[in-house]
N, C-alpha and C. Protein backbone atom coordinates (compact mmCIF):
# COMPACT_ATOMS: atom_id res chain seq x y z
N MET A 1 -14.26 -8.06 -2.33
CA MET A 1 -14.29 -6.62 -2.48
C MET A 1 -13.56 -6.23 -3.76
N THR A 2 -14.12 -5.27 -4.46
CA THR A 2 -13.54 -4.76 -5.70
C THR A 2 -13.43 -3.25 -5.59
N ILE A 3 -12.36 -2.71 -6.16
CA ILE A 3 -12.22 -1.26 -6.26
C ILE A 3 -12.32 -0.91 -7.73
N ARG A 4 -13.19 0.05 -8.03
CA ARG A 4 -13.44 0.43 -9.42
C ARG A 4 -13.70 1.92 -9.49
N CYS A 5 -13.74 2.44 -10.72
CA CYS A 5 -14.09 3.85 -10.91
C CYS A 5 -15.52 4.08 -10.45
N LEU A 6 -15.75 5.24 -9.87
CA LEU A 6 -17.08 5.61 -9.41
C LEU A 6 -18.07 5.63 -10.58
N ARG A 7 -19.26 5.17 -10.32
CA ARG A 7 -20.34 5.17 -11.31
C ARG A 7 -21.49 6.04 -10.82
N ARG A 8 -22.31 6.45 -11.75
CA ARG A 8 -23.44 7.31 -11.41
C ARG A 8 -24.33 6.69 -10.32
N GLU A 9 -24.54 5.40 -10.38
CA GLU A 9 -25.41 4.76 -9.40
C GLU A 9 -24.80 4.70 -8.00
N ASP A 10 -23.55 5.12 -7.84
CA ASP A 10 -22.89 5.12 -6.52
C ASP A 10 -23.17 6.39 -5.73
N GLN A 11 -23.68 7.42 -6.39
CA GLN A 11 -23.82 8.74 -5.77
C GLN A 11 -24.56 8.73 -4.44
N GLU A 12 -25.72 8.14 -4.41
CA GLU A 12 -26.54 8.17 -3.20
C GLU A 12 -25.86 7.41 -2.06
N ALA A 13 -25.25 6.28 -2.38
CA ALA A 13 -24.56 5.50 -1.36
C ALA A 13 -23.40 6.29 -0.76
N ILE A 14 -22.67 7.00 -1.59
CA ILE A 14 -21.55 7.79 -1.09
C ILE A 14 -22.05 8.92 -0.19
N LYS A 15 -23.10 9.60 -0.62
CA LYS A 15 -23.67 10.65 0.22
C LYS A 15 -24.09 10.09 1.57
N ASN A 16 -24.71 8.92 1.55
CA ASN A 16 -25.15 8.29 2.80
C ASN A 16 -23.96 7.92 3.70
N ILE A 17 -22.86 7.48 3.09
CA ILE A 17 -21.65 7.17 3.86
C ILE A 17 -21.12 8.44 4.52
N LEU A 18 -21.04 9.52 3.75
CA LEU A 18 -20.53 10.78 4.30
C LEU A 18 -21.39 11.27 5.46
N ILE A 19 -22.69 11.14 5.33
CA ILE A 19 -23.59 11.54 6.42
C ILE A 19 -23.40 10.62 7.62
N ALA A 20 -23.35 9.32 7.37
CA ALA A 20 -23.27 8.33 8.46
C ALA A 20 -21.99 8.46 9.28
N THR A 21 -20.90 8.91 8.65
CA THR A 21 -19.65 9.04 9.41
C THR A 21 -19.74 10.11 10.49
N GLU A 22 -20.65 11.06 10.32
CA GLU A 22 -20.81 12.19 11.24
C GLU A 22 -19.51 12.99 11.38
N MET A 23 -18.70 12.98 10.33
CA MET A 23 -17.43 13.70 10.33
C MET A 23 -17.50 14.97 9.49
N PHE A 24 -18.45 15.05 8.60
CA PHE A 24 -18.48 16.13 7.62
C PHE A 24 -19.68 17.04 7.83
N SER A 25 -19.46 18.32 7.63
CA SER A 25 -20.55 19.29 7.73
C SER A 25 -21.45 19.17 6.50
N THR A 26 -22.61 19.77 6.59
CA THR A 26 -23.53 19.80 5.45
C THR A 26 -22.85 20.42 4.24
N GLU A 27 -22.11 21.50 4.47
CA GLU A 27 -21.40 22.17 3.38
C GLU A 27 -20.36 21.24 2.74
N GLU A 28 -19.62 20.51 3.56
CA GLU A 28 -18.61 19.58 3.04
C GLU A 28 -19.26 18.46 2.22
N ILE A 29 -20.39 17.97 2.68
CA ILE A 29 -21.11 16.91 1.95
C ILE A 29 -21.60 17.45 0.61
N GLU A 30 -22.07 18.69 0.60
CA GLU A 30 -22.50 19.31 -0.65
C GLU A 30 -21.32 19.45 -1.62
N ILE A 31 -20.16 19.84 -1.11
CA ILE A 31 -18.97 19.98 -1.94
C ILE A 31 -18.58 18.62 -2.52
N ALA A 32 -18.60 17.59 -1.68
CA ALA A 32 -18.29 16.24 -2.17
C ALA A 32 -19.26 15.84 -3.28
N GLY A 33 -20.53 16.16 -3.10
CA GLY A 33 -21.54 15.86 -4.12
C GLY A 33 -21.27 16.61 -5.42
N GLU A 34 -20.85 17.86 -5.30
CA GLU A 34 -20.53 18.64 -6.50
C GLU A 34 -19.33 18.05 -7.24
N LEU A 35 -18.32 17.60 -6.51
CA LEU A 35 -17.15 16.97 -7.14
C LEU A 35 -17.54 15.68 -7.85
N ILE A 36 -18.40 14.91 -7.20
CA ILE A 36 -18.88 13.67 -7.81
C ILE A 36 -19.63 13.98 -9.10
N GLN A 37 -20.51 14.96 -9.04
CA GLN A 37 -21.29 15.34 -10.22
C GLN A 37 -20.38 15.82 -11.34
N PHE A 38 -19.40 16.66 -10.99
CA PHE A 38 -18.44 17.16 -11.98
C PHE A 38 -17.70 16.00 -12.64
N TYR A 39 -17.25 15.06 -11.82
CA TYR A 39 -16.53 13.88 -12.32
C TYR A 39 -17.40 13.08 -13.29
N LEU A 40 -18.65 12.86 -12.92
CA LEU A 40 -19.55 12.06 -13.74
C LEU A 40 -20.00 12.78 -15.01
N ASP A 41 -20.19 14.08 -14.92
CA ASP A 41 -20.72 14.84 -16.06
C ASP A 41 -19.67 15.16 -17.12
N ASP A 42 -18.41 15.13 -16.76
CA ASP A 42 -17.36 15.48 -17.72
C ASP A 42 -16.27 14.42 -17.72
N PRO A 43 -16.48 13.34 -18.48
CA PRO A 43 -15.50 12.24 -18.48
C PRO A 43 -14.11 12.65 -18.97
N LYS A 44 -14.01 13.79 -19.63
CA LYS A 44 -12.71 14.23 -20.15
C LYS A 44 -11.94 15.11 -19.16
N GLN A 45 -12.58 15.52 -18.06
CA GLN A 45 -11.90 16.36 -17.09
C GLN A 45 -10.75 15.56 -16.46
N GLU A 46 -9.72 16.26 -16.02
CA GLU A 46 -8.55 15.61 -15.45
C GLU A 46 -8.22 16.12 -14.05
N ASP A 47 -9.18 16.82 -13.43
CA ASP A 47 -8.94 17.40 -12.11
C ASP A 47 -9.17 16.41 -10.97
N TYR A 48 -10.06 15.44 -11.16
CA TYR A 48 -10.43 14.51 -10.09
C TYR A 48 -10.56 13.10 -10.64
N GLU A 49 -10.18 12.15 -9.78
CA GLU A 49 -10.45 10.75 -10.05
C GLU A 49 -11.13 10.20 -8.80
N LEU A 50 -12.18 9.44 -9.00
CA LEU A 50 -12.92 8.88 -7.88
C LEU A 50 -13.05 7.38 -8.05
N PHE A 51 -12.83 6.67 -6.95
CA PHE A 51 -12.90 5.21 -6.95
C PHE A 51 -13.78 4.76 -5.79
N THR A 52 -14.49 3.68 -6.01
CA THR A 52 -15.32 3.12 -4.95
C THR A 52 -14.89 1.69 -4.66
N SER A 53 -15.08 1.32 -3.42
CA SER A 53 -14.89 -0.05 -2.99
C SER A 53 -16.29 -0.65 -2.87
N VAL A 54 -16.50 -1.79 -3.54
CA VAL A 54 -17.83 -2.42 -3.51
C VAL A 54 -17.68 -3.88 -3.10
N ASP A 55 -18.72 -4.39 -2.45
CA ASP A 55 -18.71 -5.81 -2.09
C ASP A 55 -19.15 -6.65 -3.29
N ASP A 56 -19.25 -7.94 -3.10
CA ASP A 56 -19.60 -8.85 -4.20
C ASP A 56 -20.99 -8.60 -4.77
N ASP A 57 -21.86 -7.96 -3.98
CA ASP A 57 -23.21 -7.64 -4.45
C ASP A 57 -23.28 -6.25 -5.07
N GLY A 58 -22.15 -5.55 -5.14
CA GLY A 58 -22.13 -4.21 -5.71
C GLY A 58 -22.45 -3.09 -4.74
N LYS A 59 -22.59 -3.42 -3.46
CA LYS A 59 -22.88 -2.40 -2.45
C LYS A 59 -21.62 -1.58 -2.19
N VAL A 60 -21.76 -0.26 -2.21
CA VAL A 60 -20.63 0.64 -1.98
C VAL A 60 -20.24 0.62 -0.51
N LEU A 61 -18.96 0.34 -0.26
CA LEU A 61 -18.42 0.27 1.10
C LEU A 61 -17.65 1.54 1.47
N GLY A 62 -17.08 2.18 0.47
CA GLY A 62 -16.30 3.38 0.70
C GLY A 62 -15.89 4.01 -0.61
N TYR A 63 -15.28 5.18 -0.52
CA TYR A 63 -14.82 5.83 -1.74
C TYR A 63 -13.64 6.73 -1.43
N VAL A 64 -12.94 7.10 -2.51
CA VAL A 64 -11.80 7.98 -2.41
C VAL A 64 -11.81 8.92 -3.60
N CYS A 65 -11.40 10.17 -3.37
CA CYS A 65 -11.32 11.19 -4.42
C CYS A 65 -9.93 11.79 -4.38
N ILE A 66 -9.25 11.77 -5.51
CA ILE A 66 -7.90 12.32 -5.62
C ILE A 66 -7.82 13.26 -6.82
N GLY A 67 -6.76 14.03 -6.87
CA GLY A 67 -6.53 14.87 -8.04
C GLY A 67 -5.13 15.44 -8.03
N PRO A 68 -4.63 15.76 -9.21
CA PRO A 68 -3.30 16.36 -9.29
C PRO A 68 -3.31 17.76 -8.67
N THR A 69 -2.25 18.08 -7.96
CA THR A 69 -2.11 19.41 -7.39
C THR A 69 -1.64 20.34 -8.49
N PRO A 70 -2.39 21.40 -8.76
CA PRO A 70 -2.01 22.31 -9.84
C PRO A 70 -0.59 22.85 -9.66
N ALA A 71 0.09 23.03 -10.79
CA ALA A 71 1.42 23.63 -10.86
C ALA A 71 2.50 22.81 -10.16
N THR A 72 2.29 21.50 -10.05
CA THR A 72 3.31 20.61 -9.48
C THR A 72 3.59 19.50 -10.48
N LEU A 73 4.66 18.79 -10.23
CA LEU A 73 5.01 17.63 -11.04
C LEU A 73 4.93 16.40 -10.16
N GLY A 74 3.87 15.62 -10.33
CA GLY A 74 3.73 14.36 -9.61
C GLY A 74 3.20 14.46 -8.20
N THR A 75 2.66 15.62 -7.81
CA THR A 75 2.04 15.75 -6.50
C THR A 75 0.52 15.68 -6.67
N PHE A 76 -0.11 14.93 -5.79
CA PHE A 76 -1.56 14.72 -5.84
C PHE A 76 -2.17 15.00 -4.48
N ASP A 77 -3.42 15.43 -4.51
CA ASP A 77 -4.18 15.65 -3.28
C ASP A 77 -5.15 14.51 -3.06
N LEU A 78 -5.22 14.08 -1.82
CA LEU A 78 -6.23 13.12 -1.38
C LEU A 78 -7.36 13.97 -0.80
N TYR A 79 -8.39 14.20 -1.61
CA TYR A 79 -9.47 15.10 -1.20
C TYR A 79 -10.44 14.45 -0.23
N TRP A 80 -10.81 13.22 -0.50
CA TRP A 80 -11.81 12.54 0.32
C TRP A 80 -11.45 11.06 0.41
N ILE A 81 -11.63 10.51 1.58
CA ILE A 81 -11.63 9.06 1.74
C ILE A 81 -12.62 8.79 2.87
N ALA A 82 -13.57 7.93 2.60
CA ALA A 82 -14.61 7.64 3.59
C ALA A 82 -15.09 6.21 3.44
N VAL A 83 -15.37 5.60 4.58
CA VAL A 83 -15.84 4.21 4.63
C VAL A 83 -17.08 4.16 5.51
N GLN A 84 -18.01 3.32 5.12
CA GLN A 84 -19.22 3.11 5.91
C GLN A 84 -18.82 2.86 7.38
N PRO A 85 -19.34 3.63 8.33
CA PRO A 85 -18.89 3.52 9.72
C PRO A 85 -18.95 2.13 10.32
N MET A 86 -19.99 1.37 10.01
CA MET A 86 -20.14 0.06 10.66
C MET A 86 -19.10 -0.96 10.18
N ILE A 87 -18.35 -0.62 9.12
CA ILE A 87 -17.32 -1.54 8.65
C ILE A 87 -15.93 -0.90 8.63
N GLN A 88 -15.79 0.21 9.34
CA GLN A 88 -14.47 0.81 9.47
C GLN A 88 -13.58 -0.13 10.27
N SER A 89 -12.29 -0.03 10.08
CA SER A 89 -11.27 -0.89 10.72
C SER A 89 -11.31 -2.32 10.19
N LYS A 90 -11.89 -2.50 9.00
CA LYS A 90 -11.93 -3.82 8.37
C LYS A 90 -11.03 -3.88 7.14
N GLY A 91 -10.21 -2.83 6.93
CA GLY A 91 -9.27 -2.83 5.82
C GLY A 91 -9.74 -2.16 4.55
N ILE A 92 -10.94 -1.60 4.55
CA ILE A 92 -11.47 -1.00 3.33
C ILE A 92 -10.74 0.32 3.01
N GLY A 93 -10.56 1.18 4.01
CA GLY A 93 -9.81 2.41 3.80
C GLY A 93 -8.38 2.12 3.38
N THR A 94 -7.78 1.11 3.99
CA THR A 94 -6.42 0.71 3.64
C THR A 94 -6.36 0.24 2.19
N ALA A 95 -7.35 -0.55 1.78
CA ALA A 95 -7.39 -1.04 0.39
C ALA A 95 -7.57 0.11 -0.59
N LEU A 96 -8.44 1.05 -0.27
CA LEU A 96 -8.64 2.21 -1.14
C LEU A 96 -7.36 3.02 -1.26
N LEU A 97 -6.71 3.26 -0.13
CA LEU A 97 -5.48 4.05 -0.15
C LEU A 97 -4.37 3.32 -0.91
N SER A 98 -4.23 2.03 -0.70
CA SER A 98 -3.21 1.25 -1.43
C SER A 98 -3.48 1.28 -2.92
N TYR A 99 -4.74 1.17 -3.29
CA TYR A 99 -5.12 1.22 -4.70
C TYR A 99 -4.70 2.57 -5.30
N VAL A 100 -5.02 3.64 -4.60
CA VAL A 100 -4.68 4.99 -5.07
C VAL A 100 -3.17 5.14 -5.20
N GLU A 101 -2.43 4.68 -4.21
CA GLU A 101 -0.97 4.81 -4.26
C GLU A 101 -0.40 4.08 -5.47
N GLN A 102 -0.85 2.87 -5.72
CA GLN A 102 -0.35 2.12 -6.89
C GLN A 102 -0.77 2.80 -8.19
N HIS A 103 -2.00 3.28 -8.22
CA HIS A 103 -2.51 3.99 -9.40
C HIS A 103 -1.64 5.22 -9.69
N LEU A 104 -1.34 5.99 -8.65
CA LEU A 104 -0.55 7.21 -8.82
C LEU A 104 0.90 6.89 -9.19
N LYS A 105 1.47 5.87 -8.61
CA LYS A 105 2.83 5.47 -8.98
C LYS A 105 2.88 5.14 -10.46
N GLY A 106 1.84 4.49 -10.97
CA GLY A 106 1.76 4.12 -12.37
C GLY A 106 1.69 5.30 -13.31
N LYS A 107 1.30 6.45 -12.79
CA LYS A 107 1.24 7.64 -13.64
C LYS A 107 2.26 8.69 -13.21
N GLY A 108 3.31 8.24 -12.54
CA GLY A 108 4.40 9.14 -12.19
C GLY A 108 4.19 9.94 -10.92
N GLY A 109 3.23 9.55 -10.10
CA GLY A 109 3.00 10.26 -8.85
C GLY A 109 4.17 10.12 -7.90
N ARG A 110 4.54 11.23 -7.28
CA ARG A 110 5.66 11.25 -6.33
C ARG A 110 5.21 11.46 -4.89
N LEU A 111 4.18 12.29 -4.71
CA LEU A 111 3.79 12.73 -3.38
C LEU A 111 2.27 12.81 -3.29
N LEU A 112 1.73 12.26 -2.21
CA LEU A 112 0.29 12.32 -1.95
C LEU A 112 0.08 13.15 -0.69
N ILE A 113 -0.72 14.20 -0.80
CA ILE A 113 -0.99 15.12 0.30
C ILE A 113 -2.41 14.90 0.82
N ALA A 114 -2.54 14.88 2.14
CA ALA A 114 -3.85 14.75 2.79
C ALA A 114 -3.96 15.85 3.84
N GLU A 115 -5.03 16.60 3.79
CA GLU A 115 -5.28 17.66 4.77
C GLU A 115 -6.42 17.25 5.67
N THR A 116 -6.30 17.59 6.95
CA THR A 116 -7.35 17.27 7.89
C THR A 116 -7.36 18.30 9.02
N SER A 117 -8.31 18.15 9.88
CA SER A 117 -8.53 19.06 11.00
C SER A 117 -7.79 18.55 12.25
N SER A 118 -7.49 19.50 13.13
CA SER A 118 -6.87 19.15 14.41
C SER A 118 -7.90 18.81 15.48
N MET A 119 -9.17 18.95 15.17
CA MET A 119 -10.21 18.70 16.17
C MET A 119 -10.16 17.24 16.65
N GLN A 120 -10.57 17.03 17.88
CA GLN A 120 -10.50 15.70 18.50
C GLN A 120 -11.22 14.63 17.68
N LYS A 121 -12.35 14.99 17.06
CA LYS A 121 -13.10 13.97 16.31
C LYS A 121 -12.32 13.44 15.11
N TYR A 122 -11.23 14.12 14.72
CA TYR A 122 -10.40 13.67 13.60
C TYR A 122 -9.15 12.91 14.08
N GLU A 123 -9.08 12.58 15.35
CA GLU A 123 -7.92 11.85 15.87
C GLU A 123 -7.73 10.52 15.14
N ASN A 124 -8.81 9.78 14.91
CA ASN A 124 -8.68 8.49 14.19
C ASN A 124 -8.22 8.70 12.76
N THR A 125 -8.64 9.79 12.14
CA THR A 125 -8.19 10.10 10.78
C THR A 125 -6.70 10.36 10.76
N ARG A 126 -6.23 11.18 11.69
CA ARG A 126 -4.80 11.48 11.77
C ARG A 126 -4.00 10.21 12.07
N ALA A 127 -4.50 9.38 12.95
CA ALA A 127 -3.82 8.12 13.29
C ALA A 127 -3.77 7.19 12.07
N PHE A 128 -4.85 7.16 11.29
CA PHE A 128 -4.89 6.35 10.07
C PHE A 128 -3.78 6.78 9.12
N TYR A 129 -3.68 8.09 8.88
CA TYR A 129 -2.62 8.57 7.98
C TYR A 129 -1.24 8.18 8.50
N SER A 130 -1.01 8.35 9.77
CA SER A 130 0.29 7.99 10.35
C SER A 130 0.58 6.50 10.19
N ARG A 131 -0.40 5.67 10.45
CA ARG A 131 -0.21 4.21 10.30
C ARG A 131 0.10 3.83 8.86
N LYS A 132 -0.39 4.60 7.92
CA LYS A 132 -0.22 4.28 6.50
C LYS A 132 1.03 4.93 5.90
N GLY A 133 1.89 5.47 6.75
CA GLY A 133 3.16 5.98 6.27
C GLY A 133 3.19 7.46 5.93
N PHE A 134 2.12 8.17 6.20
CA PHE A 134 2.12 9.61 6.01
C PHE A 134 2.85 10.27 7.18
N VAL A 135 3.47 11.40 6.93
CA VAL A 135 4.10 12.18 7.99
C VAL A 135 3.46 13.57 7.99
N GLN A 136 3.40 14.14 9.18
CA GLN A 136 2.87 15.50 9.28
C GLN A 136 3.90 16.45 8.71
N LEU A 137 3.52 17.19 7.68
CA LEU A 137 4.42 18.13 7.02
C LEU A 137 4.24 19.55 7.51
N ALA A 138 3.02 19.88 7.93
CA ALA A 138 2.75 21.25 8.36
C ALA A 138 1.49 21.30 9.20
N ARG A 139 1.39 22.38 9.94
CA ARG A 139 0.20 22.64 10.75
C ARG A 139 -0.02 24.15 10.74
N ILE A 140 -1.20 24.57 10.33
CA ILE A 140 -1.51 25.98 10.29
C ILE A 140 -2.53 26.27 11.39
N HIS A 141 -2.08 27.05 12.35
CA HIS A 141 -2.86 27.37 13.54
C HIS A 141 -4.16 28.10 13.18
N GLU A 142 -5.27 27.59 13.72
CA GLU A 142 -6.60 28.20 13.58
C GLU A 142 -6.98 28.49 12.13
N TYR A 143 -6.64 27.57 11.26
CA TYR A 143 -6.91 27.71 9.83
C TYR A 143 -8.41 27.66 9.52
N TYR A 144 -9.07 26.64 10.06
CA TYR A 144 -10.51 26.46 9.77
C TYR A 144 -11.37 27.43 10.58
N LYS A 145 -11.01 27.57 11.85
CA LYS A 145 -11.72 28.45 12.78
C LYS A 145 -10.91 28.47 14.07
N PRO A 146 -11.25 29.32 15.02
CA PRO A 146 -10.52 29.31 16.28
C PRO A 146 -10.48 27.89 16.88
N GLU A 147 -9.30 27.50 17.31
CA GLU A 147 -9.05 26.18 17.93
C GLU A 147 -9.23 25.01 16.97
N ASP A 148 -9.11 25.27 15.67
CA ASP A 148 -9.20 24.19 14.67
C ASP A 148 -8.13 24.43 13.61
N ASP A 149 -7.01 23.73 13.80
CA ASP A 149 -5.86 23.87 12.91
C ASP A 149 -6.02 22.99 11.67
N LEU A 150 -5.36 23.40 10.60
CA LEU A 150 -5.19 22.56 9.42
C LEU A 150 -3.93 21.72 9.66
N VAL A 151 -4.05 20.41 9.52
CA VAL A 151 -2.91 19.51 9.65
C VAL A 151 -2.68 18.87 8.29
N ILE A 152 -1.49 19.06 7.75
CA ILE A 152 -1.16 18.57 6.41
C ILE A 152 -0.22 17.39 6.52
N TYR A 153 -0.63 16.27 5.95
CA TYR A 153 0.18 15.06 5.91
C TYR A 153 0.64 14.80 4.49
N GLY A 154 1.75 14.14 4.36
CA GLY A 154 2.24 13.76 3.05
C GLY A 154 2.88 12.38 3.07
N LYS A 155 2.82 11.74 1.94
CA LYS A 155 3.47 10.44 1.78
C LYS A 155 4.18 10.43 0.43
N TYR A 156 5.48 10.21 0.47
CA TYR A 156 6.25 10.11 -0.77
C TYR A 156 6.04 8.72 -1.34
N LEU A 157 5.70 8.68 -2.62
CA LEU A 157 5.37 7.41 -3.28
C LEU A 157 6.57 6.79 -3.95
N THR A 158 7.65 7.55 -4.05
CA THR A 158 8.88 7.04 -4.65
C THR A 158 9.98 7.09 -3.62
N THR A 159 10.99 6.30 -3.82
CA THR A 159 12.09 6.24 -2.85
C THR A 159 13.37 6.79 -3.46
N THR A 160 13.28 8.01 -3.99
CA THR A 160 14.48 8.63 -4.59
C THR A 160 15.14 9.56 -3.63
């Protein structure tokens, strides 16, 4: 397995992964596609970085999208992380996250923020963040819609 910068030919595979997870709405998948397109169309932009995990044959296994949080020093947002459902729990998400953490540490990153939903279908997502050293920093009641809270996790990348 290799982790590399996202390439144009990865777009369809990533869209298929997002659909296959059955975790994201049509609108969310469209937003992810727009971010991918923005990233690919403007190599000089500094708002997003996208990385893919590929097998030895170049097949996309998962991807991650991060970006600096505006008006902060060393804080980054983890916008998307997704792995092909049939190979989840095989270490691909962990490898992507570890790669991102090392990458961010190398550029002075201090804090990585991940936002998710409180809905039951996101229980595995929340558990993943907790296992990887993230802590719940905040919860905003009924943020997305009634009975769907925003849960904000964070992981400090430095030990100061």
